[in-house]
Amino acid sequence: MKKIALFRNVNGSPEFVDRFDTMKEASDCVASIVDGEDDVTVFDFTTEEQEYTDIIERVKSYADACDVLGVPQLDEKAMLSAGFRPDEIARRKLETITAALNEGWKPDWNNTDEYKYYPWFYIEPGKGKDPDGNPYGAAAGLSYAAAKYAASNTHTNIGSRLCFHDRRTAFYAGNTFTDLYAAILVEKF
């Protein structure tokens, strides 16, 4: 299917903004950006009609994500030999998959009006036992930091590198790459 790709000139090179079904949608996006920023004009944007296959159809595996980005796959054996844990490898794979699915979109953490989406998981309590025979559960998050009874208190429920530009893509990633998310969410004994 054909889509209108919108690019913004940043320091002399075009950066992908988004894809649209119509030129009107692309123009509306440009107008909203120009309206919200002082140092940008409509002349900072270009469009290109492109043949487009939905990214969700192109990224069904980690290997597909590497192909989309044009990067080599991780050498897992070498990484394990170098002391990387399986959860660290899974996280790096998810970062690659997220980058591919986002197609160049990066979250703007200074823009509080920009929505950022994450897969959300309900994790059943584990039925396993630790080495001492005690039952363990599976409470976990992508990242968490807390300092109690000190001068600071930090709380983060989800990792920022694994966010998506829309709900549909986050839902797809969470359902398709569940094994990788489980590797970083749930500690295995």
C-alpha atoms as a PDB file:
ATOM      1  CA  MET A   1       0.000   0.000   0.000  1.00  0.00           C
ATOM      2  CA  LYS A   2       1.151   3.583  -0.600  1.00  0.00           C
ATOM      3  CA  LYS A   3       1.799   5.934   2.323  1.00  0.00           C
ATOM      4  CA  ILE A   4       3.009   9.511   2.644  1.00  0.00           C
ATOM      5  CA  ALA A   5       6.292   9.600   4.584  1.00  0.00           C
ATOM      6  CA  LEU A   6       7.017  12.881   6.357  1.00  0.00           C
ATOM      7  CA  PHE A   7      10.607  13.947   7.038  1.00  0.00           C
ATOM      8  CA  ARG A   8      11.979  16.885   9.003  1.00  0.00           C
ATOM      9  CA  ASN A   9      15.306  18.497   8.121  1.00  0.00           C
ATOM     10  CA  VAL A  10      17.459  18.452  11.261  1.00  0.00           C
ATOM     11  CA  ASN A  11      21.000  19.827  10.922  1.00  0.00           C
ATOM     12  CA  GLY A  12      21.030  19.161   7.195  1.00  0.00           C
ATOM     13  CA  SER A  13      19.739  15.599   7.234  1.00  0.00           C
ATOM     14  CA  PRO A  14      16.165  14.342   6.963  1.00  0.00           C
ATOM     15  CA  GLU A  15      14.729  12.600  10.033  1.00  0.00           C
ATOM     16  CA  PHE A  16      11.640  10.464   9.669  1.00  0.00           C
ATOM     17  CA  VAL A  17       8.600  11.908  11.478  1.00  0.00           C
ATOM     18  CA  ASP A  18       5.699   9.596  10.624  1.00  0.00           C
ATOM     19  CA  ARG A  19       3.653   7.953   7.848  1.00  0.00           C
ATOM     20  CA  PHE A  20       0.196   9.055   6.792  1.00  0.00           C
ATOM     21  CA  ASP A  21      -2.594   7.799   4.576  1.00  0.00           C
ATOM     22  CA  THR A  22      -3.188  11.233   3.013  1.00  0.00           C
ATOM     23  CA  MET A  23      -1.268  14.423   2.272  1.00  0.00           C
ATOM     24  CA  LYS A  24      -3.838  16.323   4.402  1.00  0.00           C
ATOM     25  CA  GLU A  25      -2.892  14.248   7.469  1.00  0.00           C
ATOM     26  CA  ALA A  26       0.810  14.961   6.810  1.00  0.00           C
ATOM     27  CA  SER A  27       0.068  18.696   6.380  1.00  0.00           C
ATOM     28  CA  ASP A  28      -1.924  18.747   9.619  1.00  0.00           C
ATOM     29  CA  CYS A  29       1.030  17.158  11.427  1.00  0.00           C
ATOM     30  CA  VAL A  30       3.428  19.761  10.009  1.00  0.00           C
ATOM     31  CA  ALA A  31       1.041  22.552  11.046  1.00  0.00           C
ATOM     32  CA  SER A  32       0.859  21.245  14.623  1.00  0.00           C
ATOM     33  CA  ILE A  33       4.662  21.003  14.859  1.00  0.00           C
ATOM     34  CA  VAL A  34       5.188  24.483  13.392  1.00  0.00           C
ATOM     35  CA  ASP A  35       2.532  25.849  15.738  1.00  0.00           C
ATOM     36  CA  GLY A  36       4.272  24.421  18.804  1.00  0.00           C
ATOM     37  CA  GLU A  37       7.896  25.310  18.029  1.00  0.00           C
ATOM     38  CA  ASP A  38       9.391  28.752  17.444  1.00  0.00           C
ATOM     39  CA  ASP A  39      12.405  27.840  15.334  1.00  0.00           C
ATOM     40  CA  VAL A  40      10.721  25.616  12.716  1.00  0.00           C
ATOM     41  CA  THR A  41       8.891  26.422   9.473  1.00  0.00           C
ATOM     42  CA  VAL A  42       6.999  24.406   6.886  1.00  0.00           C
ATOM     43  CA  PHE A  43      10.130  24.574   4.731  1.00  0.00           C
ATOM     44  CA  ASP A  44      11.878  22.247   7.193  1.00  0.00           C
ATOM     45  CA  PHE A  45       9.674  19.344   6.021  1.00  0.00           C
ATOM     46  CA  THR A  46       9.519  17.122   2.963  1.00  0.00           C
ATOM     47  CA  THR A  47       7.188  14.311   1.973  1.00  0.00           C
ATOM     48  CA  GLU A  48       7.667  11.247  -0.140  1.00  0.00           C
ATOM     49  CA  GLU A  49       5.117   8.739  -1.370  1.00  0.00           C
ATOM     50  CA  GLN A  50       6.384   5.264  -0.574  1.00  0.00           C
ATOM     51  CA  GLU A  51       5.274   1.697  -0.962  1.00  0.00           C
ATOM     52  CA  TYR A  52       4.826   0.521   2.597  1.00  0.00           C
ATOM     53  CA  THR A  53       4.266  -2.800   4.334  1.00  0.00           C
ATOM     54  CA  ASP A  54       3.207  -2.444   7.962  1.00  0.00           C
ATOM     55  CA  ILE A  55       6.139  -2.935  10.327  1.00  0.00           C
ATOM     56  CA  ILE A  56       4.149  -5.507  12.308  1.00  0.00           C
ATOM     57  CA  GLU A  57       4.042  -7.648   9.175  1.00  0.00           C
ATOM     58  CA  ARG A  58       7.820  -7.298   8.729  1.00  0.00           C
ATOM     59  CA  VAL A  59       9.016  -7.913  12.307  1.00  0.00           C
ATOM     60  CA  LYS A  60       7.953 -11.328  13.527  1.00  0.00           C
ATOM     61  CA  SER A  61      11.264 -12.248  15.203  1.00  0.00           C
ATOM     62  CA  TYR A  62      14.489 -10.802  16.572  1.00  0.00           C
ATOM     63  CA  ALA A  63      16.199 -11.749  13.279  1.00  0.00           C
ATOM     64  CA  ASP A  64      13.559  -9.770  11.355  1.00  0.00           C
ATOM     65  CA  ALA A  65      14.215  -6.730  13.566  1.00  0.00           C
ATOM     66  CA  CYS A  66      17.952  -6.961  12.836  1.00  0.00           C
ATOM     67  CA  ASP A  67      17.194  -7.165   9.099  1.00  0.00           C
ATOM     68  CA  VAL A  68      14.923  -4.087   9.260  1.00  0.00           C
ATOM     69  CA  LEU A  69      17.625  -2.082  11.066  1.00  0.00           C
ATOM     70  CA  GLY A  70      20.498  -3.504   9.030  1.00  0.00           C
ATOM     71  CA  VAL A  71      22.418  -4.640  12.109  1.00  0.00           C
ATOM     72  CA  PRO A  72      24.045  -8.015  12.847  1.00  0.00           C
ATOM     73  CA  GLN A  73      22.447 -10.367  15.345  1.00  0.00           C
ATOM     74  CA  LEU A  74      24.033 -10.708  18.763  1.00  0.00           C
ATOM     75  CA  ASP A  75      26.551 -13.498  19.201  1.00  0.00           C
ATOM     76  CA  GLU A  76      24.864 -15.047  22.231  1.00  0.00           C
ATOM     77  CA  LYS A  77      27.521 -17.709  22.826  1.00  0.00           C
ATOM     78  CA  ALA A  78      30.276 -15.079  22.912  1.00  0.00           C
ATOM     79  CA  MET A  79      28.185 -12.860  25.185  1.00  0.00           C
ATOM     80  CA  LEU A  80      27.518 -15.700  27.633  1.00  0.00           C
ATOM     81  CA  SER A  81      31.252 -16.546  27.593  1.00  0.00           C
ATOM     82  CA  ALA A  82      31.993 -12.889  28.385  1.00  0.00           C
ATOM     83  CA  GLY A  83      29.754 -13.067  31.455  1.00  0.00           C
ATOM     84  CA  PHE A  84      26.483 -11.615  30.169  1.00  0.00           C
ATOM     85  CA  ARG A  85      23.417 -13.062  31.867  1.00  0.00           C
ATOM     86  CA  PRO A  86      20.497 -14.345  29.754  1.00  0.00           C
ATOM     87  CA  ASP A  87      18.307 -11.451  30.965  1.00  0.00           C
ATOM     88  CA  GLU A  88      20.908  -8.938  29.722  1.00  0.00           C
ATOM     89  CA  ILE A  89      20.911 -10.583  26.299  1.00  0.00           C
ATOM     90  CA  ALA A  90      17.100 -10.614  26.233  1.00  0.00           C
ATOM     91  CA  ARG A  91      17.021  -6.905  27.097  1.00  0.00           C
ATOM     92  CA  ARG A  92      19.403  -6.087  24.248  1.00  0.00           C
ATOM     93  CA  LYS A  93      17.259  -8.113  21.858  1.00  0.00           C
ATOM     94  CA  LEU A  94      14.149  -6.239  23.033  1.00  0.00           C
ATOM     95  CA  GLU A  95      15.915  -2.910  22.496  1.00  0.00           C
ATOM     96  CA  THR A  96      16.620  -3.945  18.886  1.00  0.00           C
ATOM     97  CA  ILE A  97      13.039  -5.146  18.357  1.00  0.00           C
ATOM     98  CA  THR A  98      11.657  -1.931  19.883  1.00  0.00           C
ATOM     99  CA  ALA A  99      13.839   0.234  17.633  1.00  0.00           C
ATOM    100  CA  ALA A 100      12.698  -1.692  14.553  1.00  0.00           C
ATOM    101  CA  LEU A 101       9.005  -1.547  15.477  1.00  0.00           C
ATOM    102  CA  ASN A 102       9.231   2.183  16.210  1.00  0.00           C
ATOM    103  CA  GLU A 103      10.673   2.829  12.712  1.00  0.00           C
ATOM    104  CA  GLY A 104      12.876   5.731  13.771  1.00  0.00           C
ATOM    105  CA  TRP A 105      10.530   7.224  16.380  1.00  0.00           C
ATOM    106  CA  LYS A 106      12.290   8.076  19.625  1.00  0.00           C
ATOM    107  CA  PRO A 107      10.466   9.264  22.728  1.00  0.00           C
ATOM    108  CA  ASP A 108      10.785  12.951  23.529  1.00  0.00           C
ATOM    109  CA  TRP A 109      11.085  12.896  27.327  1.00  0.00           C
ATOM    110  CA  ASN A 110      10.810  16.690  27.440  1.00  0.00           C
ATOM    111  CA  ASN A 111       7.376  16.534  25.803  1.00  0.00           C
ATOM    112  CA  THR A 112       4.860  15.588  28.483  1.00  0.00           C
ATOM    113  CA  ASP A 113       2.048  15.717  25.904  1.00  0.00           C
ATOM    114  CA  GLU A 114       3.599  12.916  23.856  1.00  0.00           C
ATOM    115  CA  TYR A 115       2.149   9.530  24.717  1.00  0.00           C
ATOM    116  CA  LYS A 116       4.540   6.634  25.189  1.00  0.00           C
ATOM    117  CA  TYR A 117       3.251   3.061  25.348  1.00  0.00           C
ATOM    118  CA  TYR A 118       4.589  -0.088  27.035  1.00  0.00           C
ATOM    119  CA  PRO A 119       3.469  -3.705  27.053  1.00  0.00           C
ATOM    120  CA  TRP A 120       1.725  -4.427  30.328  1.00  0.00           C
ATOM    121  CA  PHE A 121       1.911  -7.894  31.836  1.00  0.00           C
ATOM    122  CA  TYR A 122      -0.023  -9.739  34.454  1.00  0.00           C
ATOM    123  CA  ILE A 123       2.361 -12.280  35.909  1.00  0.00           C
ATOM    124  CA  GLU A 124       0.919 -15.270  37.679  1.00  0.00           C
ATOM    125  CA  PRO A 125       2.625 -16.168  40.939  1.00  0.00           C
ATOM    126  CA  GLY A 126       5.212 -18.841  40.308  1.00  0.00           C
ATOM    127  CA  LYS A 127       4.660 -22.380  41.396  1.00  0.00           C
ATOM    128  CA  GLY A 128       8.379 -23.039  41.733  1.00  0.00           C
ATOM    129  CA  LYS A 129      10.552 -23.257  44.805  1.00  0.00           C
ATOM    130  CA  ASP A 130      13.886 -21.669  45.584  1.00  0.00           C
ATOM    131  CA  PRO A 131      16.905 -23.875  46.472  1.00  0.00           C
ATOM    132  CA  ASP A 132      15.755 -23.942  50.141  1.00  0.00           C
ATOM    133  CA  GLY A 133      12.305 -25.261  49.163  1.00  0.00           C
ATOM    134  CA  ASN A 134      10.459 -21.973  49.770  1.00  0.00           C
ATOM    135  CA  PRO A 135       7.764 -21.034  47.229  1.00  0.00           C
ATOM    136  CA  TYR A 136       8.462 -17.907  45.230  1.00  0.00           C
ATOM    137  CA  GLY A 137       6.273 -15.556  43.261  1.00  0.00           C
ATOM    138  CA  ALA A 138       6.922 -13.578  40.143  1.00  0.00           C
ATOM    139  CA  ALA A 139       6.526  -9.919  41.133  1.00  0.00           C
ATOM    140  CA  ALA A 140       8.765  -7.880  38.834  1.00  0.00           C
ATOM    141  CA  GLY A 141       8.935  -4.854  36.586  1.00  0.00           C
ATOM    142  CA  LEU A 142      11.194  -3.705  33.786  1.00  0.00           C
ATOM    143  CA  SER A 143      13.099  -1.563  36.241  1.00  0.00           C
ATOM    144  CA  TYR A 144      12.693  -0.398  39.792  1.00  0.00           C
ATOM    145  CA  ALA A 145      14.712   1.774  42.121  1.00  0.00           C
ATOM    146  CA  ALA A 146      13.783   2.842  45.633  1.00  0.00           C
ATOM    147  CA  ALA A 147      15.569   4.517  48.485  1.00  0.00           C
ATOM    148  CA  LYS A 148      13.733   4.624  51.797  1.00  0.00           C
ATOM    149  CA  TYR A 149      14.696   6.541  54.900  1.00  0.00           C
ATOM    150  CA  ALA A 150      17.237   8.561  52.908  1.00  0.00           C
ATOM    151  CA  ALA A 151      17.350  11.985  51.295  1.00  0.00           C
ATOM    152  CA  SER A 152      15.818  10.699  48.059  1.00  0.00           C
ATOM    153  CA  ASN A 153      13.084   8.423  46.824  1.00  0.00           C
ATOM    154  CA  THR A 154      13.014   7.166  43.258  1.00  0.00           C
ATOM    155  CA  HIS A 155      10.370   4.941  41.750  1.00  0.00           C
ATOM    156  CA  THR A 156      10.308   3.734  38.141  1.00  0.00           C
ATOM    157  CA  ASN A 157       7.885   1.065  37.030  1.00  0.00           C
ATOM    158  CA  ILE A 158       8.962   0.626  33.423  1.00  0.00           C
ATOM    159  CA  GLY A 159      12.095   1.037  31.365  1.00  0.00           C
ATOM    160  CA  SER A 160      12.148   3.969  28.992  1.00  0.00           C
ATOM    161  CA  ARG A 161      14.084   2.262  26.211  1.00  0.00           C
ATOM    162  CA  LEU A 162      11.303  -0.211  25.597  1.00  0.00           C
ATOM    163  CA  CYS A 163       8.456   2.201  24.904  1.00  0.00           C
ATOM    164  CA  PHE A 164       6.456   2.459  21.684  1.00  0.00           C
ATOM    165  CA  HIS A 165       4.833   5.241  19.719  1.00  0.00           C
ATOM    166  CA  ASP A 166       1.374   3.695  19.761  1.00  0.00           C
ATOM    167  CA  ARG A 167      -0.762   1.290  21.747  1.00  0.00           C
ATOM    168  CA  ARG A 168      -1.183  -1.194  18.892  1.00  0.00           C
ATOM    169  CA  THR A 169       2.579  -1.705  18.508  1.00  0.00           C
ATOM    170  CA  ALA A 170       3.117  -2.075  22.268  1.00  0.00           C
ATOM    171  CA  PHE A 171       0.334  -4.664  22.389  1.00  0.00           C
ATOM    172  CA  TYR A 172       1.872  -6.539  19.455  1.00  0.00           C
ATOM    173  CA  ALA A 173       5.361  -6.536  20.997  1.00  0.00           C
ATOM    174  CA  GLY A 174       4.080  -7.768  24.358  1.00  0.00           C
ATOM    175  CA  ASN A 175       2.133 -10.619  22.784  1.00  0.00           C
ATOM    176  CA  THR A 176       4.744 -11.619  20.204  1.00  0.00           C
ATOM    177  CA  PHE A 177       7.957 -11.411  22.238  1.00  0.00           C
ATOM    178  CA  THR A 178       6.603 -12.673  25.564  1.00  0.00           C
ATOM    179  CA  ASP A 179       9.547 -15.051  26.075  1.00  0.00           C
ATOM    180  CA  LEU A 180      12.040 -12.167  25.917  1.00  0.00           C
ATOM    181  CA  TYR A 181       9.961 -10.007  28.272  1.00  0.00           C
ATOM    182  CA  ALA A 182       9.659 -12.939  30.680  1.00  0.00           C
ATOM    183  CA  ALA A 183      13.456 -13.294  30.636  1.00  0.00           C
ATOM    184  CA  ILE A 184      13.863  -9.721  31.920  1.00  0.00           C
ATOM    185  CA  LEU A 185      10.794  -9.596  34.148  1.00  0.00           C
ATOM    186  CA  VAL A 186      10.895 -12.848  36.066  1.00  0.00           C
ATOM    187  CA  GLU A 187      13.951 -14.067  37.921  1.00  0.00           C
ATOM    188  CA  LYS A 188      14.426 -17.777  37.426  1.00  0.00           C
ATOM    189  CA  PHE A 189      15.931 -19.868  40.169  1.00  0.00           C
END
